[in-house]
Amino acid sequence: MTAAGSMRGRAVLVTGAGRRIAIGAAVVRRLAAEGAAVLVHSWSPHDAEQPWGADPEGPASLVDEIRAGGGRAEHVSVDLADPGAPARLVAAAREAFGHLDVLIANHARSSAQSLEQVTAEEIDLCYAVNTRAVLLLTQALAAQHDGRPGGRVVLFTSGQYHGAMPGELPYIASKAALHELTPSLAAHLMPRGITVNCVDPGPNDTGYADEATRAAVTARNPGRRWSTPEDTAKLVAWLVSDEAEWVTGQTIASDGGWSAVG
């Protein structure tokens, strides 16, 4: 368990934090409560294309919430399909806070394409957002890291390594790449005082599931409920804490046993 104020003096970039009910926002709230200054990233046009829809006022409301609680937060909206966007985000964090210690690469492009539906355009876009942008964000964070304590990178994968997801091929291909990149990035960056770990949040209640899906996941999960954004935020908070300084190169599922029975 991390202590209140344990992140004081640390600066964090959380990508994909545009929806108030989702994982990114929960991570922002948790780390801000522990004293971190947080740059909130969002890209609402992607959410607007999805069944769950966008939360246009979400980022501004989240920043206001953090500031009202005495925390420091800024917001940048940028499309991570743009190859120059990762460097601009890290530069924005440095401009706002003077340095950047932690990257939480929570963003993702979702894609529901099977083998019969898949297109070259969608494959390229998923790799650009889900894989290339994460690598470039990690590169930019490492380039400016000055060796101070608390260098951390947290990536996010999905459940493709526990069970088949044939209807989401561009998405899982790009997310599987992050899973496999984690050990190599960790080995490269550990000598520079930066840990790299990967989180699989399992089926997470972020407002996209219908009642039938919700009931089926609940019944199958040994914990008899869905994961919540707050569950994921607890794990992320520990991974970026000083207590986790010797943990790197790992992919950790926070899912109440879902992956154990998969």
Protein backbone atom coordinates (compact mmCIF):
# COMPACT_ATOMS: atom_id res chain seq x y z
CA MET A 1 0.00 0.00 0.00
CA THR A 2 1.35 3.43 -0.91
CA ALA A 3 1.27 6.31 1.53
CA ALA A 4 -0.40 9.69 1.13
CA GLY A 5 2.17 12.15 -0.15
CA SER A 6 4.48 9.38 -1.37
CA MET A 7 4.52 10.88 -4.89
CA ARG A 8 5.20 14.44 -3.79
CA GLY A 9 7.75 16.06 -6.08
CA ARG A 10 7.15 13.53 -8.86
CA ALA A 11 5.73 14.51 -12.25
CA VAL A 12 3.55 12.06 -14.15
CA LEU A 13 2.12 11.84 -17.67
CA VAL A 14 -1.07 9.75 -17.94
CA THR A 15 -2.22 9.14 -21.50
CA GLY A 16 -5.76 8.26 -22.48
CA ALA A 17 -7.45 9.96 -19.52
CA GLY A 18 -10.32 11.61 -21.35
CA ARG A 19 -13.29 9.77 -19.81
CA ARG A 20 -14.09 10.39 -16.15
CA ILE A 21 -15.34 6.84 -15.53
CA ALA A 22 -12.40 5.04 -17.13
CA ILE A 23 -8.97 3.76 -16.06
CA GLY A 24 -6.90 6.80 -17.01
CA ALA A 25 -8.98 9.14 -14.88
CA ALA A 26 -8.82 6.75 -11.92
CA VAL A 27 -5.03 6.65 -12.21
CA VAL A 28 -4.86 10.44 -12.37
CA ARG A 29 -6.98 10.77 -9.25
CA ARG A 30 -4.96 8.21 -7.32
CA LEU A 31 -1.54 9.62 -8.19
CA ALA A 32 -2.65 13.21 -7.62
CA ALA A 33 -3.99 12.20 -4.20
CA GLU A 34 -0.52 10.86 -3.40
CA GLY A 35 1.06 14.18 -4.29
CA ALA A 36 2.09 13.80 -7.94
CA ALA A 37 1.79 16.60 -10.46
CA VAL A 38 -0.08 15.11 -13.42
CA LEU A 39 -0.29 15.94 -17.10
CA VAL A 40 -3.61 14.56 -18.35
CA HIS A 41 -3.67 13.48 -22.00
CA SER A 42 -6.82 12.86 -24.03
CA TRP A 43 -8.04 12.46 -27.60
CA SER A 44 -11.84 12.63 -27.65
CA PRO A 45 -12.33 12.03 -31.41
CA HIS A 46 -11.35 8.38 -30.90
CA ASP A 47 -13.90 7.88 -28.13
CA ALA A 48 -16.56 9.60 -30.22
CA GLU A 49 -16.14 6.85 -32.83
CA GLN A 50 -16.69 4.08 -30.27
CA PRO A 51 -19.97 2.64 -28.92
CA TRP A 52 -19.30 4.12 -25.47
CA GLY A 53 -18.89 7.65 -26.85
CA ALA A 54 -16.77 10.59 -25.78
CA ASP A 55 -16.82 12.60 -22.56
CA PRO A 56 -16.10 16.07 -24.03
CA GLU A 57 -15.99 17.85 -20.67
CA GLY A 58 -14.12 15.02 -18.97
CA PRO A 59 -10.51 16.23 -19.15
CA ALA A 60 -11.28 19.79 -18.03
CA SER A 61 -13.51 18.50 -15.24
CA LEU A 62 -10.79 16.08 -14.09
CA VAL A 63 -8.17 18.84 -14.00
CA ASP A 64 -10.56 21.08 -12.06
CA GLU A 65 -11.22 18.23 -9.62
CA ILE A 66 -7.50 17.71 -8.98
CA ARG A 67 -6.85 21.42 -8.54
CA ALA A 68 -9.82 21.81 -6.21
CA GLY A 69 -8.23 19.15 -4.01
CA GLY A 70 -4.97 21.11 -3.86
CA GLY A 71 -3.17 19.12 -6.55
CA ARG A 72 -1.34 20.14 -9.72
CA ALA A 73 -2.73 19.09 -13.08
CA GLU A 74 -2.61 20.22 -16.69
CA HIS A 75 -4.31 18.89 -19.82
CA VAL A 76 -3.12 18.34 -23.39
CA SER A 77 -5.29 16.95 -26.19
CA VAL A 78 -3.30 15.39 -29.01
CA ASP A 79 -3.70 12.54 -31.50
CA LEU A 80 -1.04 9.90 -30.79
CA ALA A 81 -1.33 8.66 -34.36
CA ASP A 82 0.84 11.69 -35.15
CA PRO A 83 4.49 10.56 -34.88
CA GLY A 84 5.48 13.93 -33.43
CA ALA A 85 2.86 13.85 -30.66
CA PRO A 86 4.82 11.79 -28.08
CA ALA A 87 7.75 14.23 -28.00
CA ARG A 88 5.33 17.16 -27.72
CA LEU A 89 3.56 15.55 -24.77
CA VAL A 90 6.80 14.97 -22.88
CA ALA A 91 7.89 18.53 -23.68
CA ALA A 92 4.57 19.83 -22.35
CA ALA A 93 5.08 17.93 -19.09
CA ARG A 94 8.58 19.38 -18.71
CA GLU A 95 7.29 22.86 -19.40
CA ALA A 96 4.52 22.48 -16.84
CA PHE A 97 6.46 20.75 -14.07
CA GLY A 98 10.16 21.16 -14.85
CA HIS A 99 10.78 17.46 -15.37
CA LEU A 100 8.98 14.16 -15.99
CA ASP A 101 9.48 11.08 -13.82
CA VAL A 102 6.66 8.72 -14.73
CA LEU A 103 4.88 7.64 -17.92
CA ILE A 104 1.56 5.80 -17.64
CA ALA A 105 0.82 4.74 -21.23
CA ASN A 106 -2.85 4.00 -20.71
CA HIS A 107 -4.16 5.16 -24.10
CA ALA A 108 -5.36 2.73 -26.76
CA ARG A 109 -7.05 2.63 -30.11
CA SER A 110 -9.84 0.06 -30.00
CA SER A 111 -10.59 -1.95 -33.11
CA ALA A 112 -13.24 -4.59 -33.72
CA GLN A 113 -12.02 -6.28 -36.89
CA SER A 114 -11.89 -10.01 -37.53
CA LEU A 115 -9.68 -11.72 -40.11
CA GLU A 116 -12.35 -11.25 -42.79
CA GLN A 117 -12.78 -7.56 -41.94
CA VAL A 118 -9.22 -6.48 -41.25
CA THR A 119 -7.70 -3.75 -43.39
CA ALA A 120 -4.14 -2.56 -43.86
CA GLU A 121 -5.22 0.94 -42.83
CA GLU A 122 -6.61 -0.24 -39.50
CA ILE A 123 -3.58 -2.43 -38.74
CA ASP A 124 -1.26 0.51 -39.40
CA LEU A 125 -3.33 2.89 -37.29
CA CYS A 126 -3.49 0.52 -34.32
CA TYR A 127 0.26 -0.02 -34.44
CA ALA A 128 0.83 3.73 -34.73
CA VAL A 129 -1.27 4.56 -31.67
CA ASN A 130 -0.89 1.48 -29.50
CA THR A 131 2.73 0.51 -30.18
CA ARG A 132 4.72 3.22 -31.96
CA ALA A 133 3.45 6.04 -29.75
CA VAL A 134 4.28 4.08 -26.61
CA LEU A 135 7.82 3.40 -27.79
CA LEU A 136 8.32 7.05 -28.71
CA LEU A 137 6.86 8.22 -25.39
CA THR A 138 9.23 5.90 -23.54
CA GLN A 139 12.14 7.15 -25.65
CA ALA A 140 11.27 10.78 -24.90
CA LEU A 141 10.87 10.16 -21.16
CA ALA A 142 14.20 8.33 -20.97
CA ALA A 143 16.01 11.01 -22.97
CA GLN A 144 15.14 13.72 -20.44
CA HIS A 145 15.38 11.61 -17.27
CA ASP A 146 18.21 12.90 -15.09
CA GLY A 147 18.67 9.83 -12.90
CA ARG A 148 16.61 11.10 -9.99
CA PRO A 149 14.70 8.45 -8.00
CA GLY A 150 11.27 7.44 -9.25
CA GLY A 151 11.79 6.85 -12.96
CA ARG A 152 8.89 4.66 -14.00
CA VAL A 153 7.11 3.46 -17.15
CA VAL A 154 3.83 1.53 -16.96
CA LEU A 155 2.47 0.03 -20.17
CA PHE A 156 -0.94 -1.57 -20.71
CA THR A 157 -1.70 -4.78 -22.55
CA SER A 158 -4.92 -6.75 -22.95
CA GLY A 159 -5.97 -10.35 -22.35
CA GLN A 160 -4.81 -11.79 -25.68
CA TYR A 161 -2.12 -13.85 -23.94
CA HIS A 162 -4.75 -15.58 -21.78
CA GLY A 163 -7.40 -16.34 -24.40
CA ALA A 164 -8.35 -15.84 -28.04
CA MET A 165 -9.81 -12.49 -29.14
CA PRO A 166 -10.50 -13.18 -32.85
CA GLY A 167 -12.78 -10.19 -33.33
CA GLU A 168 -10.17 -7.57 -32.37
CA LEU A 169 -7.09 -8.49 -34.41
CA PRO A 170 -5.46 -5.07 -35.03
CA TYR A 171 -5.98 -4.15 -31.38
CA ILE A 172 -4.59 -7.35 -29.88
CA ALA A 173 -1.64 -7.48 -32.29
CA SER A 174 -0.54 -4.01 -31.20
CA LYS A 175 -1.21 -4.72 -27.51
CA ALA A 176 0.67 -8.04 -27.66
CA ALA A 177 3.67 -6.09 -28.93
CA LEU A 178 3.71 -4.04 -25.71
CA HIS A 179 3.56 -7.21 -23.63
CA GLU A 180 6.62 -8.56 -25.42
CA LEU A 181 8.48 -5.24 -25.43
CA THR A 182 8.28 -4.89 -21.66
CA PRO A 183 11.25 -7.12 -20.68
CA SER A 184 13.56 -5.61 -23.29
CA LEU A 185 12.70 -2.03 -22.36
CA ALA A 186 13.10 -2.93 -18.69
CA ALA A 187 16.54 -4.44 -19.17
CA HIS A 188 17.68 -1.42 -21.18
CA LEU A 189 16.38 1.22 -18.77
CA MET A 190 17.01 -0.34 -15.34
CA PRO A 191 20.68 0.78 -15.30
CA ARG A 192 19.37 4.33 -15.75
CA GLY A 193 17.03 4.08 -12.77
CA ILE A 194 13.82 3.58 -14.75
CA THR A 195 11.59 0.55 -14.23
CA VAL A 196 9.23 -0.70 -16.94
CA ASN A 197 6.23 -2.87 -16.19
CA CYS A 198 3.02 -3.80 -18.00
CA VAL A 199 -0.53 -4.06 -16.62
CA ASP A 200 -3.38 -6.22 -17.85
CA PRO A 201 -6.49 -4.75 -16.20
CA GLY A 202 -8.75 -7.65 -17.20
CA PRO A 203 -12.44 -7.07 -17.99
CA ASN A 204 -12.85 -3.58 -16.56
CA ASP A 205 -16.05 -1.73 -15.86
CA THR A 206 -15.61 1.44 -17.92
CA GLY A 207 -19.15 1.73 -19.24
CA TYR A 208 -18.97 -0.26 -22.46
CA ALA A 209 -20.58 -3.62 -21.55
CA ASP A 210 -24.24 -4.56 -21.97
CA GLU A 211 -26.08 -6.37 -19.20
CA ALA A 212 -25.63 -9.84 -20.72
CA THR A 213 -21.88 -9.36 -21.01
CA ARG A 214 -21.71 -7.92 -17.53
CA ALA A 215 -23.55 -10.93 -16.07
CA ALA A 216 -21.43 -13.47 -17.97
CA VAL A 217 -18.12 -11.93 -16.86
CA THR A 218 -19.31 -11.64 -13.27
CA ALA A 219 -20.34 -15.31 -13.18
CA ARG A 220 -17.02 -16.51 -14.64
CA ASN A 221 -14.70 -14.38 -12.53
CA PRO A 222 -13.59 -16.10 -9.28
CA GLY A 223 -13.96 -12.70 -7.60
CA ARG A 224 -17.60 -12.60 -8.73
CA ARG A 225 -17.38 -9.06 -10.05
CA TRP A 226 -15.77 -6.98 -12.77
CA SER A 227 -12.50 -5.20 -12.27
CA THR A 228 -12.90 -1.48 -11.69
CA PRO A 229 -10.72 1.45 -12.75
CA GLU A 230 -9.88 1.94 -9.08
CA ASP A 231 -8.54 -1.64 -8.87
CA THR A 232 -6.17 -0.85 -11.72
CA ALA A 233 -5.18 2.49 -10.24
CA LYS A 234 -4.11 0.78 -7.00
CA LEU A 235 -1.72 -1.50 -8.89
CA VAL A 236 -0.34 1.36 -10.97
CA ALA A 237 0.20 3.46 -7.84
CA TRP A 238 2.24 0.66 -6.28
CA LEU A 239 4.30 0.06 -9.43
CA VAL A 240 5.33 3.72 -9.57
CA SER A 241 6.03 3.94 -5.83
CA ASP A 242 9.43 3.64 -4.17
CA GLU A 243 8.32 0.26 -2.78
CA ALA A 244 8.39 -1.17 -6.33
CA GLU A 245 11.86 0.08 -7.27
CA TRP A 246 13.14 -3.52 -7.65
CA VAL A 247 10.20 -4.72 -9.77
CA THR A 248 10.73 -4.39 -13.51
CA GLY A 249 10.10 -6.28 -16.75
CA GLN A 250 6.86 -7.80 -15.46
CA THR A 251 3.37 -8.10 -16.91
CA ILE A 252 0.85 -8.21 -14.07
CA ALA A 253 -2.86 -8.96 -14.35
CA SER A 254 -5.16 -7.21 -11.89
CA ASP A 255 -8.37 -9.08 -12.57
CA GLY A 256 -9.64 -10.97 -9.51
CA GLY A 257 -8.55 -14.32 -10.93
CA TRP A 258 -10.11 -13.90 -14.40
CA SER A 259 -6.86 -14.84 -16.13
CA ALA A 260 -6.30 -17.79 -13.81
CA VAL A 261 -9.44 -19.52 -15.11
CA GLY A 262 -9.05 -18.34 -18.72
